[in-house]
N, C-alpha and C. Protein backbone atom coordinates (compact mmCIF):
# COMPACT_ATOMS: atom_id res chain seq x y z
N MET A 1 63.76 -1.93 21.29
CA MET A 1 62.31 -2.02 21.21
C MET A 1 61.90 -2.18 19.75
N ALA A 2 61.05 -3.13 19.48
CA ALA A 2 60.61 -3.43 18.12
C ALA A 2 59.68 -2.34 17.60
N LEU A 3 59.79 -2.06 16.31
CA LEU A 3 58.93 -1.11 15.63
C LEU A 3 57.51 -1.67 15.61
N LYS A 4 56.53 -0.85 15.94
CA LYS A 4 55.13 -1.28 16.00
C LYS A 4 54.35 -0.70 14.82
N ALA A 5 53.61 -1.55 14.12
CA ALA A 5 52.81 -1.10 12.98
C ALA A 5 51.84 0.00 13.38
N GLU A 6 51.29 -0.11 14.57
CA GLU A 6 50.30 0.88 15.02
C GLU A 6 50.90 2.27 15.22
N ASN A 7 52.22 2.36 15.32
CA ASN A 7 52.88 3.65 15.50
C ASN A 7 53.42 4.24 14.20
N LEU A 8 53.19 3.54 13.09
CA LEU A 8 53.72 3.98 11.79
C LEU A 8 52.63 4.58 10.93
N ASN A 9 52.99 5.63 10.21
CA ASN A 9 52.08 6.27 9.27
C ASN A 9 52.81 6.52 7.96
N VAL A 10 52.07 6.43 6.86
CA VAL A 10 52.65 6.76 5.56
C VAL A 10 53.20 8.18 5.64
N GLY A 11 54.43 8.35 5.19
CA GLY A 11 55.09 9.64 5.23
C GLY A 11 56.07 9.80 6.38
N ASP A 12 55.98 8.92 7.39
CA ASP A 12 56.96 8.96 8.49
C ASP A 12 58.35 8.76 7.92
N THR A 13 59.34 9.43 8.50
CA THR A 13 60.72 9.27 8.05
C THR A 13 61.65 8.98 9.23
N TYR A 14 62.73 8.31 8.90
CA TYR A 14 63.82 8.08 9.84
C TYR A 14 65.10 8.39 9.09
N SER A 15 65.96 9.23 9.65
CA SER A 15 67.22 9.60 9.00
C SER A 15 68.39 9.33 9.95
N GLU A 16 69.52 9.06 9.33
CA GLU A 16 70.72 8.78 10.12
C GLU A 16 71.95 9.18 9.32
N LYS A 17 72.91 9.79 9.98
CA LYS A 17 74.22 10.08 9.37
C LYS A 17 74.97 8.77 9.28
N LEU A 18 75.42 8.41 8.09
CA LEU A 18 76.13 7.14 7.89
C LEU A 18 77.62 7.27 8.11
N VAL A 19 78.19 8.33 7.58
CA VAL A 19 79.63 8.54 7.71
C VAL A 19 79.91 10.02 7.52
N GLU A 20 80.84 10.51 8.29
CA GLU A 20 81.33 11.87 8.18
C GLU A 20 82.75 11.79 7.67
N ASP A 21 83.02 12.40 6.51
CA ASP A 21 84.38 12.42 5.96
C ASP A 21 84.92 11.01 5.71
N LEU A 22 84.33 10.32 4.75
CA LEU A 22 84.76 8.96 4.39
C LEU A 22 86.24 8.95 4.07
N LYS A 23 86.95 8.06 4.70
CA LYS A 23 88.41 7.98 4.53
C LYS A 23 88.77 6.93 3.48
N ARG A 24 89.86 7.15 2.78
CA ARG A 24 90.39 6.16 1.83
C ARG A 24 90.65 4.84 2.55
N THR A 25 91.09 4.93 3.78
CA THR A 25 91.35 3.72 4.56
C THR A 25 90.09 2.87 4.69
N GLN A 26 88.95 3.51 4.90
CA GLN A 26 87.69 2.77 4.99
C GLN A 26 87.37 2.07 3.67
N ILE A 27 87.65 2.73 2.56
CA ILE A 27 87.40 2.13 1.25
C ILE A 27 88.31 0.92 1.04
N VAL A 28 89.59 1.07 1.39
CA VAL A 28 90.53 -0.04 1.23
C VAL A 28 90.19 -1.19 2.18
N MET A 29 89.77 -0.86 3.40
CA MET A 29 89.36 -1.91 4.33
C MET A 29 88.16 -2.68 3.78
N TYR A 30 87.21 -1.96 3.15
CA TYR A 30 86.07 -2.64 2.54
C TYR A 30 86.54 -3.53 1.38
N ALA A 31 87.51 -3.08 0.60
CA ALA A 31 88.04 -3.91 -0.48
C ALA A 31 88.55 -5.23 0.09
N GLY A 32 89.28 -5.15 1.20
CA GLY A 32 89.80 -6.36 1.83
C GLY A 32 88.70 -7.26 2.36
N ALA A 33 87.70 -6.66 2.99
CA ALA A 33 86.60 -7.45 3.57
C ALA A 33 85.75 -8.11 2.49
N SER A 34 85.57 -7.40 1.38
CA SER A 34 84.68 -7.91 0.32
C SER A 34 85.43 -8.76 -0.71
N GLY A 35 86.74 -8.57 -0.80
CA GLY A 35 87.51 -9.25 -1.83
C GLY A 35 87.43 -8.55 -3.18
N ASP A 36 86.83 -7.35 -3.21
CA ASP A 36 86.71 -6.58 -4.45
C ASP A 36 87.86 -5.59 -4.53
N TYR A 37 88.92 -5.99 -5.23
CA TYR A 37 90.12 -5.17 -5.34
C TYR A 37 90.18 -4.42 -6.67
N ASN A 38 89.04 -4.12 -7.26
CA ASN A 38 89.05 -3.35 -8.49
C ASN A 38 89.87 -2.09 -8.25
N PRO A 39 90.85 -1.81 -9.12
CA PRO A 39 91.75 -0.69 -8.87
C PRO A 39 91.08 0.68 -8.81
N VAL A 40 89.87 0.83 -9.34
CA VAL A 40 89.20 2.14 -9.24
C VAL A 40 88.84 2.47 -7.79
N HIS A 41 88.92 1.47 -6.91
CA HIS A 41 88.63 1.69 -5.49
C HIS A 41 89.90 1.82 -4.65
N THR A 42 91.04 1.41 -5.19
CA THR A 42 92.23 1.34 -4.34
C THR A 42 93.49 1.96 -4.94
N ASP A 43 93.54 2.17 -6.25
CA ASP A 43 94.76 2.62 -6.91
C ASP A 43 94.54 3.99 -7.54
N GLU A 44 95.02 5.03 -6.88
CA GLU A 44 94.82 6.40 -7.33
C GLU A 44 95.40 6.64 -8.72
N VAL A 45 96.60 6.16 -8.98
CA VAL A 45 97.25 6.38 -10.27
C VAL A 45 96.44 5.73 -11.38
N PHE A 46 96.05 4.47 -11.22
CA PHE A 46 95.24 3.78 -12.22
C PHE A 46 93.93 4.53 -12.44
N THR A 47 93.29 4.90 -11.34
CA THR A 47 91.97 5.53 -11.44
C THR A 47 92.04 6.85 -12.21
N LYS A 48 93.10 7.62 -11.99
CA LYS A 48 93.24 8.90 -12.69
C LYS A 48 93.74 8.72 -14.12
N ASP A 49 94.83 7.97 -14.26
CA ASP A 49 95.52 7.91 -15.56
C ASP A 49 94.89 6.94 -16.55
N VAL A 50 94.31 5.85 -16.08
CA VAL A 50 93.75 4.85 -16.98
C VAL A 50 92.23 4.97 -17.06
N ALA A 51 91.59 5.03 -15.91
CA ALA A 51 90.12 5.04 -15.89
C ALA A 51 89.53 6.43 -16.11
N GLY A 52 90.33 7.48 -15.88
CA GLY A 52 89.87 8.84 -16.16
C GLY A 52 88.99 9.47 -15.09
N TYR A 53 89.01 8.94 -13.88
CA TYR A 53 88.26 9.54 -12.78
C TYR A 53 89.19 10.45 -11.98
N PRO A 54 88.63 11.40 -11.25
CA PRO A 54 89.47 12.32 -10.48
C PRO A 54 90.12 11.69 -9.25
N SER A 55 89.60 10.57 -8.80
CA SER A 55 90.13 9.93 -7.60
C SER A 55 89.53 8.53 -7.50
N VAL A 56 90.05 7.74 -6.57
CA VAL A 56 89.40 6.47 -6.25
C VAL A 56 88.02 6.80 -5.70
N PHE A 57 87.13 5.81 -5.71
CA PHE A 57 85.79 6.03 -5.15
C PHE A 57 85.32 4.76 -4.46
N ALA A 58 84.34 4.93 -3.60
CA ALA A 58 83.85 3.83 -2.78
C ALA A 58 83.10 2.79 -3.61
N HIS A 59 83.13 1.56 -3.15
CA HIS A 59 82.33 0.49 -3.72
C HIS A 59 80.84 0.82 -3.50
N GLY A 60 80.03 0.54 -4.49
CA GLY A 60 78.59 0.72 -4.30
C GLY A 60 78.08 -0.09 -3.13
N MET A 61 78.62 -1.29 -2.98
CA MET A 61 78.14 -2.16 -1.90
C MET A 61 78.55 -1.64 -0.52
N LEU A 62 79.59 -0.83 -0.43
CA LEU A 62 79.92 -0.18 0.84
C LEU A 62 78.82 0.80 1.20
N THR A 63 78.39 1.59 0.23
CA THR A 63 77.29 2.53 0.44
C THR A 63 76.01 1.77 0.80
N MET A 64 75.74 0.69 0.09
CA MET A 64 74.54 -0.10 0.38
C MET A 64 74.60 -0.71 1.78
N GLY A 65 75.77 -1.19 2.17
CA GLY A 65 75.92 -1.77 3.50
C GLY A 65 75.68 -0.76 4.60
N MET A 66 76.21 0.45 4.43
CA MET A 66 75.97 1.50 5.43
C MET A 66 74.50 1.88 5.47
N THR A 67 73.87 1.93 4.29
CA THR A 67 72.44 2.24 4.21
C THR A 67 71.63 1.14 4.89
N GLY A 68 72.02 -0.11 4.67
CA GLY A 68 71.34 -1.23 5.32
C GLY A 68 71.44 -1.18 6.83
N LYS A 69 72.57 -0.72 7.34
CA LYS A 69 72.73 -0.58 8.79
C LYS A 69 71.73 0.45 9.33
N MET A 70 71.54 1.55 8.59
CA MET A 70 70.53 2.54 8.99
C MET A 70 69.16 1.88 9.07
N LEU A 71 68.84 1.04 8.08
CA LEU A 71 67.54 0.38 8.07
C LEU A 71 67.37 -0.54 9.27
N THR A 72 68.38 -1.33 9.58
CA THR A 72 68.24 -2.24 10.72
C THR A 72 68.23 -1.47 12.04
N ASN A 73 68.90 -0.33 12.09
CA ASN A 73 68.79 0.51 13.28
C ASN A 73 67.35 0.98 13.47
N TYR A 74 66.65 1.21 12.36
CA TYR A 74 65.26 1.69 12.41
C TYR A 74 64.28 0.55 12.69
N VAL A 75 64.33 -0.50 11.89
CA VAL A 75 63.30 -1.55 12.00
C VAL A 75 63.69 -2.67 12.95
N GLY A 76 64.98 -2.81 13.24
CA GLY A 76 65.44 -3.87 14.13
C GLY A 76 66.15 -4.97 13.37
N ASP A 77 67.06 -5.64 14.06
CA ASP A 77 67.81 -6.74 13.45
C ASP A 77 66.88 -7.88 13.07
N GLY A 78 67.17 -8.51 11.94
CA GLY A 78 66.42 -9.68 11.51
C GLY A 78 65.03 -9.41 10.99
N ARG A 79 64.70 -8.15 10.73
CA ARG A 79 63.33 -7.81 10.30
C ARG A 79 63.22 -7.45 8.82
N LEU A 80 64.34 -7.12 8.18
CA LEU A 80 64.27 -6.80 6.75
C LEU A 80 63.90 -8.05 5.96
N THR A 81 62.96 -7.90 5.05
CA THR A 81 62.58 -9.01 4.17
C THR A 81 62.99 -8.74 2.73
N GLU A 82 63.15 -7.46 2.39
CA GLU A 82 63.61 -7.06 1.06
C GLU A 82 64.41 -5.77 1.20
N PHE A 83 65.43 -5.62 0.36
CA PHE A 83 66.21 -4.39 0.35
C PHE A 83 66.98 -4.34 -0.96
N GLY A 84 66.81 -3.25 -1.68
CA GLY A 84 67.54 -3.07 -2.93
C GLY A 84 67.72 -1.60 -3.24
N VAL A 85 68.82 -1.27 -3.89
CA VAL A 85 69.07 0.11 -4.28
C VAL A 85 69.68 0.16 -5.68
N ARG A 86 69.59 1.34 -6.26
CA ARG A 86 70.34 1.67 -7.47
C ARG A 86 71.39 2.68 -7.07
N PHE A 87 72.59 2.52 -7.57
CA PHE A 87 73.66 3.47 -7.29
C PHE A 87 73.57 4.58 -8.33
N THR A 88 73.35 5.80 -7.88
CA THR A 88 73.05 6.89 -8.80
C THR A 88 74.18 7.91 -8.94
N SER A 89 75.15 7.86 -8.03
CA SER A 89 76.30 8.75 -8.11
C SER A 89 77.43 8.15 -7.29
N GLN A 90 78.64 8.49 -7.65
CA GLN A 90 79.79 7.93 -6.94
C GLN A 90 79.98 8.59 -5.58
N VAL A 91 80.58 7.82 -4.68
CA VAL A 91 80.93 8.29 -3.35
C VAL A 91 82.45 8.39 -3.28
N TRP A 92 82.93 9.60 -2.97
CA TRP A 92 84.35 9.91 -3.01
C TRP A 92 84.93 10.00 -1.60
N PRO A 93 86.23 9.80 -1.47
CA PRO A 93 86.87 10.06 -0.19
C PRO A 93 86.54 11.50 0.25
N GLY A 94 86.25 11.65 1.52
CA GLY A 94 85.87 12.97 2.04
C GLY A 94 84.37 13.20 2.08
N ASP A 95 83.61 12.39 1.37
CA ASP A 95 82.16 12.56 1.39
C ASP A 95 81.58 12.22 2.76
N SER A 96 80.50 12.88 3.08
CA SER A 96 79.68 12.56 4.25
C SER A 96 78.33 12.12 3.73
N LEU A 97 77.81 11.03 4.29
CA LEU A 97 76.56 10.46 3.79
C LEU A 97 75.50 10.43 4.87
N GLU A 98 74.27 10.69 4.44
CA GLU A 98 73.09 10.57 5.29
C GLU A 98 72.04 9.78 4.53
N SER A 99 71.31 8.96 5.26
CA SER A 99 70.30 8.13 4.63
C SER A 99 68.95 8.34 5.31
N THR A 100 67.89 8.27 4.51
CA THR A 100 66.54 8.44 5.02
C THR A 100 65.66 7.32 4.52
N ALA A 101 64.86 6.78 5.42
CA ALA A 101 63.83 5.79 5.08
C ALA A 101 62.47 6.48 5.27
N THR A 102 61.61 6.36 4.27
CA THR A 102 60.28 6.96 4.32
C THR A 102 59.24 5.86 4.20
N VAL A 103 58.30 5.83 5.14
CA VAL A 103 57.23 4.83 5.13
C VAL A 103 56.28 5.13 3.96
N THR A 104 56.08 4.12 3.10
CA THR A 104 55.15 4.28 1.97
C THR A 104 53.89 3.44 2.14
N ALA A 105 53.95 2.42 2.99
CA ALA A 105 52.76 1.59 3.26
C ALA A 105 53.02 0.76 4.51
N VAL A 106 51.93 0.45 5.20
CA VAL A 106 51.98 -0.46 6.35
C VAL A 106 50.75 -1.34 6.26
N ALA A 107 50.96 -2.65 6.11
CA ALA A 107 49.83 -3.57 6.01
C ALA A 107 50.28 -4.98 6.34
N ASP A 108 49.42 -5.72 7.02
CA ASP A 108 49.66 -7.14 7.29
C ASP A 108 51.03 -7.41 7.92
N GLY A 109 51.45 -6.53 8.83
CA GLY A 109 52.70 -6.74 9.53
C GLY A 109 53.95 -6.44 8.74
N ILE A 110 53.80 -5.74 7.61
CA ILE A 110 54.94 -5.36 6.76
C ILE A 110 54.92 -3.85 6.54
N VAL A 111 56.08 -3.22 6.72
CA VAL A 111 56.23 -1.81 6.39
C VAL A 111 57.05 -1.71 5.10
N ASP A 112 56.56 -0.92 4.15
CA ASP A 112 57.27 -0.63 2.91
C ASP A 112 57.96 0.71 3.08
N LEU A 113 59.21 0.77 2.64
CA LEU A 113 60.02 1.97 2.81
C LEU A 113 60.69 2.38 1.51
N ASP A 114 60.69 3.66 1.22
CA ASP A 114 61.56 4.22 0.20
C ASP A 114 62.84 4.61 0.91
N VAL A 115 63.98 4.39 0.28
CA VAL A 115 65.27 4.65 0.89
C VAL A 115 66.10 5.55 -0.02
N SER A 116 66.71 6.56 0.57
CA SER A 116 67.56 7.47 -0.20
C SER A 116 68.78 7.83 0.63
N THR A 117 69.95 7.70 0.02
CA THR A 117 71.20 8.10 0.66
C THR A 117 71.80 9.23 -0.15
N THR A 118 72.15 10.32 0.54
CA THR A 118 72.67 11.52 -0.11
C THR A 118 74.03 11.89 0.46
N ASN A 119 74.80 12.62 -0.36
CA ASN A 119 76.09 13.12 0.13
C ASN A 119 75.90 14.51 0.74
N GLN A 120 76.99 15.12 1.16
CA GLN A 120 76.96 16.41 1.83
C GLN A 120 76.42 17.53 0.95
N ASN A 121 76.37 17.32 -0.35
CA ASN A 121 75.84 18.32 -1.28
C ASN A 121 74.38 18.07 -1.64
N GLY A 122 73.77 17.06 -1.01
CA GLY A 122 72.38 16.73 -1.30
C GLY A 122 72.21 15.86 -2.53
N VAL A 123 73.30 15.37 -3.11
CA VAL A 123 73.23 14.51 -4.29
C VAL A 123 72.88 13.09 -3.85
N VAL A 124 71.87 12.52 -4.47
CA VAL A 124 71.47 11.15 -4.15
C VAL A 124 72.53 10.21 -4.72
N VAL A 125 73.11 9.37 -3.85
CA VAL A 125 74.12 8.41 -4.30
C VAL A 125 73.58 6.99 -4.36
N ALA A 126 72.48 6.75 -3.66
CA ALA A 126 71.81 5.43 -3.71
C ALA A 126 70.33 5.67 -3.40
N ALA A 127 69.47 5.01 -4.17
CA ALA A 127 68.02 5.12 -3.96
C ALA A 127 67.39 3.77 -4.17
N GLY A 128 66.41 3.45 -3.35
CA GLY A 128 65.76 2.16 -3.49
C GLY A 128 64.60 1.99 -2.55
N SER A 129 64.41 0.72 -2.17
CA SER A 129 63.27 0.41 -1.31
C SER A 129 63.61 -0.76 -0.40
N ALA A 130 62.79 -0.92 0.61
CA ALA A 130 62.95 -2.03 1.55
C ALA A 130 61.59 -2.39 2.11
N LYS A 131 61.50 -3.61 2.61
CA LYS A 131 60.32 -4.08 3.34
C LYS A 131 60.84 -4.72 4.61
N ALA A 132 60.03 -4.58 5.67
CA ALA A 132 60.43 -5.17 6.95
C ALA A 132 59.19 -5.63 7.71
N ARG A 133 59.39 -6.70 8.48
CA ARG A 133 58.33 -7.17 9.38
C ARG A 133 58.22 -6.20 10.55
N VAL A 134 57.01 -5.89 10.96
CA VAL A 134 56.78 -5.06 12.14
C VAL A 134 55.75 -5.74 13.01
N ASP A 135 55.84 -5.49 14.31
CA ASP A 135 54.89 -6.10 15.25
C ASP A 135 53.54 -5.40 15.20
């Protein structure tokens, strides 16, 4: 069922669990799908010994993709007209992510949304905005 402008109010929220206990396998699978084989995402030894991080970490675009799925689950497929985020913290293997979209405006068949994705500790890992067509 399509989202209706008449049913939306500024301040309305929609939240969704994106992943519970992100696995290294999921990160490596994303590397293969995206073609981004940067070793900080796939090579534990390099990431610790050369890059100085405690572990490999997820691609920002993996987090953005999961966040985008939450948005399309909310507004419907083919309705997003804009979507962008800033990556504010790394996502590590074992993290659980939840994302929330908050309505900031509804006018002329477009809903404006603030978007925030947080880890299990409440740390924001991606924040941004989106716009979508609504009936």
